[in-house]
Amino acid sequence: MITLNACVQYFSGFKVLLSTLKTFLKPKGEIHIIDSLFYKPIDIADAKKRTLSYYTQLGFPEMASLYFHHSEENIQGFEVLYKKKNKILRKVLNVKDSPFCWYKTTGNL
């Protein structure tokens, strides 16, 4: 099993990363992606602006060029093991929820 925790966004080529990792999997091996956002293509430009603003406020605007916003298209065919629940209901109940999905794929994809 290979687990990518909060790091996919620091690799520029998601497909190259996935292809490389699959070479290390044994039969029936799995790749899990946790704590990484994937964006609708239409939302990527705004996400890049938010990232630049965030790193600029920290005093390191150059870091924005090292953060990559991957499209949801890259994870088509992945199994979703966890997805954020109903936001309104959880807010009313004051229940914390992760904004990140948990994705799984095998070497067969």
N, C-alpha and C. Protein backbone atom coordinates (compact mmCIF):
# COMPACT_ATOMS: atom_id res chain seq x y z
N MET A 1 0.84 -1.17 0.00
CA MET A 1 0.00 0.00 0.00
C MET A 1 0.89 1.23 0.00
N ILE A 2 0.52 2.17 -0.84
CA ILE A 2 1.20 3.47 -0.86
C ILE A 2 0.17 4.50 -0.44
N THR A 3 0.53 5.34 0.52
CA THR A 3 -0.38 6.37 1.01
C THR A 3 0.23 7.74 0.76
N LEU A 4 -0.55 8.61 0.13
CA LEU A 4 -0.12 9.98 -0.11
C LEU A 4 -0.96 10.88 0.80
N ASN A 5 -0.35 11.41 1.82
CA ASN A 5 -1.04 12.25 2.80
C ASN A 5 -0.64 13.70 2.59
N ALA A 6 -1.59 14.52 2.18
CA ALA A 6 -1.39 15.97 2.07
C ALA A 6 -0.14 16.33 1.27
N CYS A 7 0.11 15.63 0.18
CA CYS A 7 1.31 15.94 -0.58
C CYS A 7 1.12 15.97 -2.10
N VAL A 8 0.00 15.50 -2.60
CA VAL A 8 -0.20 15.43 -4.05
C VAL A 8 -0.03 16.81 -4.69
N GLN A 9 -0.46 17.84 -3.98
CA GLN A 9 -0.41 19.19 -4.54
C GLN A 9 1.01 19.72 -4.73
N TYR A 10 2.00 19.02 -4.25
CA TYR A 10 3.38 19.45 -4.42
C TYR A 10 4.09 18.74 -5.57
N PHE A 11 3.34 17.96 -6.34
CA PHE A 11 3.86 17.29 -7.53
C PHE A 11 3.19 17.90 -8.75
N SER A 12 3.98 18.38 -9.68
CA SER A 12 3.40 19.07 -10.84
C SER A 12 2.65 18.13 -11.77
N GLY A 13 3.15 16.94 -11.98
CA GLY A 13 2.52 16.01 -12.92
C GLY A 13 1.85 14.86 -12.20
N PHE A 14 0.56 14.98 -11.95
CA PHE A 14 -0.15 13.94 -11.21
C PHE A 14 -0.11 12.60 -11.93
N LYS A 15 -0.31 12.60 -13.22
CA LYS A 15 -0.33 11.34 -13.97
C LYS A 15 1.04 10.67 -13.95
N VAL A 16 2.10 11.46 -14.03
CA VAL A 16 3.46 10.91 -13.96
C VAL A 16 3.71 10.34 -12.57
N LEU A 17 3.28 11.05 -11.54
CA LEU A 17 3.41 10.56 -10.16
C LEU A 17 2.71 9.23 -9.99
N LEU A 18 1.47 9.17 -10.44
CA LEU A 18 0.69 7.94 -10.28
C LEU A 18 1.32 6.78 -11.06
N SER A 19 1.74 7.05 -12.26
CA SER A 19 2.36 6.02 -13.08
C SER A 19 3.64 5.48 -12.42
N THR A 20 4.43 6.38 -11.86
CA THR A 20 5.66 5.98 -11.19
C THR A 20 5.36 5.14 -9.94
N LEU A 21 4.40 5.59 -9.15
CA LEU A 21 4.06 4.86 -7.93
C LEU A 21 3.53 3.46 -8.24
N LYS A 22 2.78 3.33 -9.31
CA LYS A 22 2.22 2.02 -9.67
C LYS A 22 3.30 0.99 -9.97
N THR A 23 4.48 1.45 -10.38
CA THR A 23 5.57 0.50 -10.65
C THR A 23 6.07 -0.16 -9.36
N PHE A 24 5.77 0.44 -8.21
CA PHE A 24 6.21 -0.10 -6.93
C PHE A 24 5.17 -1.02 -6.29
N LEU A 25 3.98 -1.06 -6.85
CA LEU A 25 2.92 -1.88 -6.26
C LEU A 25 3.09 -3.35 -6.59
N LYS A 26 2.79 -4.17 -5.63
CA LYS A 26 2.70 -5.60 -5.85
C LYS A 26 1.29 -5.91 -6.35
N PRO A 27 1.06 -7.12 -6.86
CA PRO A 27 -0.31 -7.47 -7.27
C PRO A 27 -1.29 -7.20 -6.12
N LYS A 28 -2.41 -6.65 -6.45
CA LYS A 28 -3.47 -6.27 -5.50
C LYS A 28 -3.05 -5.11 -4.60
N GLY A 29 -1.95 -4.43 -4.94
CA GLY A 29 -1.52 -3.27 -4.17
C GLY A 29 -2.46 -2.09 -4.40
N GLU A 30 -2.42 -1.15 -3.49
CA GLU A 30 -3.32 -0.01 -3.54
C GLU A 30 -2.56 1.30 -3.31
N ILE A 31 -3.09 2.36 -3.93
CA ILE A 31 -2.61 3.71 -3.67
C ILE A 31 -3.77 4.47 -3.04
N HIS A 32 -3.50 5.08 -1.89
CA HIS A 32 -4.52 5.87 -1.18
C HIS A 32 -4.08 7.33 -1.18
N ILE A 33 -5.02 8.22 -1.49
CA ILE A 33 -4.75 9.66 -1.47
C ILE A 33 -5.67 10.28 -0.42
N ILE A 34 -5.04 10.91 0.56
CA ILE A 34 -5.76 11.49 1.70
C ILE A 34 -5.29 12.94 1.89
N ASP A 35 -6.18 13.80 2.29
CA ASP A 35 -5.85 15.19 2.61
C ASP A 35 -5.26 15.97 1.45
N SER A 36 -5.78 15.77 0.28
CA SER A 36 -5.38 16.54 -0.90
C SER A 36 -6.63 16.92 -1.68
N LEU A 37 -6.68 18.17 -2.08
CA LEU A 37 -7.84 18.64 -2.83
C LEU A 37 -7.69 18.39 -4.32
N PHE A 38 -8.79 18.08 -4.95
CA PHE A 38 -8.89 18.00 -6.41
C PHE A 38 -10.02 18.94 -6.79
N TYR A 39 -9.83 19.70 -7.85
CA TYR A 39 -10.74 20.78 -8.19
C TYR A 39 -11.52 20.50 -9.47
N LYS A 40 -12.71 21.07 -9.52
CA LYS A 40 -13.43 21.10 -10.79
C LYS A 40 -12.62 22.01 -11.70
N PRO A 41 -12.48 21.67 -12.98
CA PRO A 41 -11.65 22.50 -13.87
C PRO A 41 -12.01 23.98 -13.83
N ILE A 42 -13.28 24.28 -13.70
CA ILE A 42 -13.72 25.68 -13.67
C ILE A 42 -13.26 26.42 -12.41
N ASP A 43 -12.91 25.69 -11.35
CA ASP A 43 -12.52 26.30 -10.07
C ASP A 43 -11.01 26.47 -9.90
N ILE A 44 -10.23 25.95 -10.82
CA ILE A 44 -8.78 25.95 -10.64
C ILE A 44 -8.19 27.37 -10.65
N ALA A 45 -8.64 28.23 -11.53
CA ALA A 45 -8.09 29.59 -11.60
C ALA A 45 -8.30 30.34 -10.28
N ASP A 46 -9.49 30.23 -9.70
CA ASP A 46 -9.75 30.88 -8.41
C ASP A 46 -8.92 30.26 -7.29
N ALA A 47 -8.76 28.94 -7.34
CA ALA A 47 -7.94 28.27 -6.32
C ALA A 47 -6.49 28.76 -6.39
N LYS A 48 -5.98 28.96 -7.58
CA LYS A 48 -4.61 29.47 -7.74
C LYS A 48 -4.49 30.87 -7.15
N LYS A 49 -5.50 31.69 -7.32
CA LYS A 49 -5.49 33.05 -6.74
C LYS A 49 -5.48 32.97 -5.22
N ARG A 50 -6.28 32.09 -4.66
CA ARG A 50 -6.31 31.92 -3.20
C ARG A 50 -4.96 31.43 -2.66
N THR A 51 -4.35 30.53 -3.40
CA THR A 51 -3.04 30.01 -2.99
C THR A 51 -2.00 31.12 -3.01
N LEU A 52 -1.99 31.93 -4.06
CA LEU A 52 -1.04 33.04 -4.13
C LEU A 52 -1.28 34.02 -2.99
N SER A 53 -2.52 34.32 -2.71
CA SER A 53 -2.85 35.23 -1.61
C SER A 53 -2.37 34.66 -0.28
N TYR A 54 -2.61 33.38 -0.07
CA TYR A 54 -2.21 32.71 1.17
C TYR A 54 -0.70 32.80 1.38
N TYR A 55 0.06 32.41 0.38
CA TYR A 55 1.52 32.41 0.53
C TYR A 55 2.07 33.84 0.59
N THR A 56 1.41 34.78 -0.08
CA THR A 56 1.84 36.18 -0.02
C THR A 56 1.65 36.71 1.40
N GLN A 57 0.52 36.39 2.03
CA GLN A 57 0.29 36.81 3.41
C GLN A 57 1.31 36.22 4.37
N LEU A 58 1.80 35.04 4.05
CA LEU A 58 2.84 34.42 4.89
C LEU A 58 4.22 35.03 4.64
N GLY A 59 4.33 35.81 3.55
CA GLY A 59 5.61 36.42 3.21
C GLY A 59 6.44 35.59 2.25
N PHE A 60 5.85 34.55 1.64
CA PHE A 60 6.56 33.68 0.72
C PHE A 60 5.76 33.47 -0.57
N PRO A 61 5.52 34.53 -1.33
CA PRO A 61 4.68 34.38 -2.53
C PRO A 61 5.24 33.39 -3.55
N GLU A 62 6.54 33.19 -3.55
CA GLU A 62 7.15 32.25 -4.50
C GLU A 62 6.70 30.81 -4.26
N MET A 63 6.22 30.51 -3.08
CA MET A 63 5.74 29.16 -2.78
C MET A 63 4.51 28.79 -3.62
N ALA A 64 3.75 29.77 -4.05
CA ALA A 64 2.55 29.49 -4.85
C ALA A 64 2.90 28.77 -6.15
N SER A 65 4.10 29.01 -6.66
CA SER A 65 4.50 28.35 -7.91
C SER A 65 4.87 26.88 -7.69
N LEU A 66 4.95 26.46 -6.43
CA LEU A 66 5.29 25.08 -6.10
C LEU A 66 4.08 24.29 -5.60
N TYR A 67 2.91 24.89 -5.72
CA TYR A 67 1.65 24.27 -5.29
C TYR A 67 0.81 24.05 -6.53
N PHE A 68 0.43 22.83 -6.79
CA PHE A 68 -0.26 22.48 -8.04
C PHE A 68 -1.70 22.08 -7.77
N HIS A 69 -2.59 22.63 -8.54
CA HIS A 69 -4.03 22.43 -8.36
C HIS A 69 -4.49 21.39 -9.37
N HIS A 70 -4.65 20.16 -8.93
CA HIS A 70 -5.02 19.06 -9.82
C HIS A 70 -6.53 18.98 -10.00
N SER A 71 -6.91 18.62 -11.19
CA SER A 71 -8.32 18.53 -11.56
C SER A 71 -8.93 17.21 -11.09
N GLU A 72 -10.22 17.27 -10.80
CA GLU A 72 -10.97 16.06 -10.46
C GLU A 72 -10.91 15.03 -11.59
N GLU A 73 -10.66 15.49 -12.79
CA GLU A 73 -10.55 14.58 -13.94
C GLU A 73 -9.44 13.56 -13.73
N ASN A 74 -8.42 13.93 -12.95
CA ASN A 74 -7.28 13.04 -12.70
C ASN A 74 -7.64 11.83 -11.84
N ILE A 75 -8.73 11.92 -11.11
CA ILE A 75 -9.08 10.83 -10.20
C ILE A 75 -10.32 10.07 -10.67
N GLN A 76 -10.70 10.26 -11.90
CA GLN A 76 -11.81 9.48 -12.43
C GLN A 76 -11.42 8.01 -12.41
N GLY A 77 -12.31 7.18 -11.95
CA GLY A 77 -12.01 5.76 -11.85
C GLY A 77 -11.48 5.36 -10.49
N PHE A 78 -11.16 6.32 -9.64
CA PHE A 78 -10.74 6.02 -8.28
C PHE A 78 -11.97 5.68 -7.45
N GLU A 79 -11.78 4.85 -6.46
CA GLU A 79 -12.86 4.57 -5.51
C GLU A 79 -12.81 5.65 -4.43
N VAL A 80 -13.96 6.21 -4.09
CA VAL A 80 -14.03 7.21 -3.03
C VAL A 80 -14.39 6.48 -1.73
N LEU A 81 -13.46 6.48 -0.79
CA LEU A 81 -13.66 5.80 0.49
C LEU A 81 -14.28 6.73 1.53
N TYR A 82 -14.11 8.02 1.33
CA TYR A 82 -14.71 9.00 2.24
C TYR A 82 -14.99 10.27 1.46
N LYS A 83 -16.14 10.84 1.72
CA LYS A 83 -16.52 12.12 1.12
C LYS A 83 -17.18 12.96 2.19
N LYS A 84 -16.91 14.24 2.17
CA LYS A 84 -17.48 15.16 3.16
C LYS A 84 -18.99 15.03 3.21
N LYS A 85 -19.50 15.05 4.40
CA LYS A 85 -20.93 14.88 4.63
C LYS A 85 -21.69 16.19 4.43
N ASN A 86 -22.97 16.15 4.66
CA ASN A 86 -23.84 17.31 4.52
C ASN A 86 -23.36 18.46 5.39
N LYS A 87 -22.91 19.53 4.77
CA LYS A 87 -22.31 20.65 5.47
C LYS A 87 -23.30 21.35 6.42
N ILE A 88 -24.51 21.59 5.97
CA ILE A 88 -25.48 22.32 6.78
C ILE A 88 -25.85 21.53 8.03
N LEU A 89 -26.17 20.25 7.85
CA LEU A 89 -26.55 19.42 8.99
C LEU A 89 -25.41 19.33 10.01
N ARG A 90 -24.19 19.15 9.53
CA ARG A 90 -23.05 19.03 10.44
C ARG A 90 -22.80 20.35 11.16
N LYS A 91 -23.04 21.47 10.48
CA LYS A 91 -22.86 22.77 11.10
C LYS A 91 -23.89 22.96 12.22
N VAL A 92 -25.13 22.61 11.95
CA VAL A 92 -26.19 22.72 12.95
C VAL A 92 -25.86 21.85 14.17
N LEU A 93 -25.34 20.66 13.92
CA LEU A 93 -25.01 19.75 15.02
C LEU A 93 -23.64 20.02 15.63
N ASN A 94 -22.92 20.99 15.06
CA ASN A 94 -21.58 21.36 15.52
C ASN A 94 -20.61 20.17 15.46
N VAL A 95 -20.68 19.44 14.36
CA VAL A 95 -19.81 18.29 14.16
C VAL A 95 -18.72 18.67 13.16
N LYS A 96 -17.48 18.46 13.53
CA LYS A 96 -16.34 18.77 12.64
C LYS A 96 -16.24 17.68 11.58
N ASP A 97 -15.86 18.09 10.39
CA ASP A 97 -15.73 17.15 9.28
C ASP A 97 -14.55 17.56 8.42
N SER A 98 -13.82 16.61 7.92
CA SER A 98 -12.70 16.90 7.04
C SER A 98 -13.22 17.39 5.69
N PRO A 99 -12.59 18.41 5.12
CA PRO A 99 -12.99 18.87 3.80
C PRO A 99 -12.41 18.01 2.67
N PHE A 100 -11.60 17.04 3.03
CA PHE A 100 -10.90 16.23 2.04
C PHE A 100 -11.56 14.87 1.84
N CYS A 101 -11.51 14.41 0.61
CA CYS A 101 -11.96 13.05 0.31
C CYS A 101 -10.80 12.08 0.52
N TRP A 102 -11.13 10.81 0.51
CA TRP A 102 -10.13 9.74 0.60
C TRP A 102 -10.36 8.88 -0.62
N TYR A 103 -9.33 8.79 -1.47
CA TYR A 103 -9.42 8.07 -2.73
C TYR A 103 -8.52 6.84 -2.72
N LYS A 104 -8.96 5.82 -3.44
CA LYS A 104 -8.16 4.60 -3.55
C LYS A 104 -8.16 4.13 -5.00
N THR A 105 -7.00 3.66 -5.42
CA THR A 105 -6.89 3.02 -6.72
C THR A 105 -5.93 1.84 -6.60
N THR A 106 -5.99 0.98 -7.58
CA THR A 106 -5.06 -0.16 -7.63
C THR A 106 -4.13 0.06 -8.82
N GLY A 107 -3.23 -0.84 -8.99
CA GLY A 107 -2.31 -0.75 -10.12
C GLY A 107 -2.99 -1.02 -11.46
N ASN A 108 -4.26 -1.41 -11.42
CA ASN A 108 -4.96 -1.76 -12.65
C ASN A 108 -5.54 -0.59 -13.41
N LEU A 109 -5.58 0.58 -12.79
CA LEU A 109 -6.21 1.72 -13.44
C LEU A 109 -5.37 2.24 -14.59
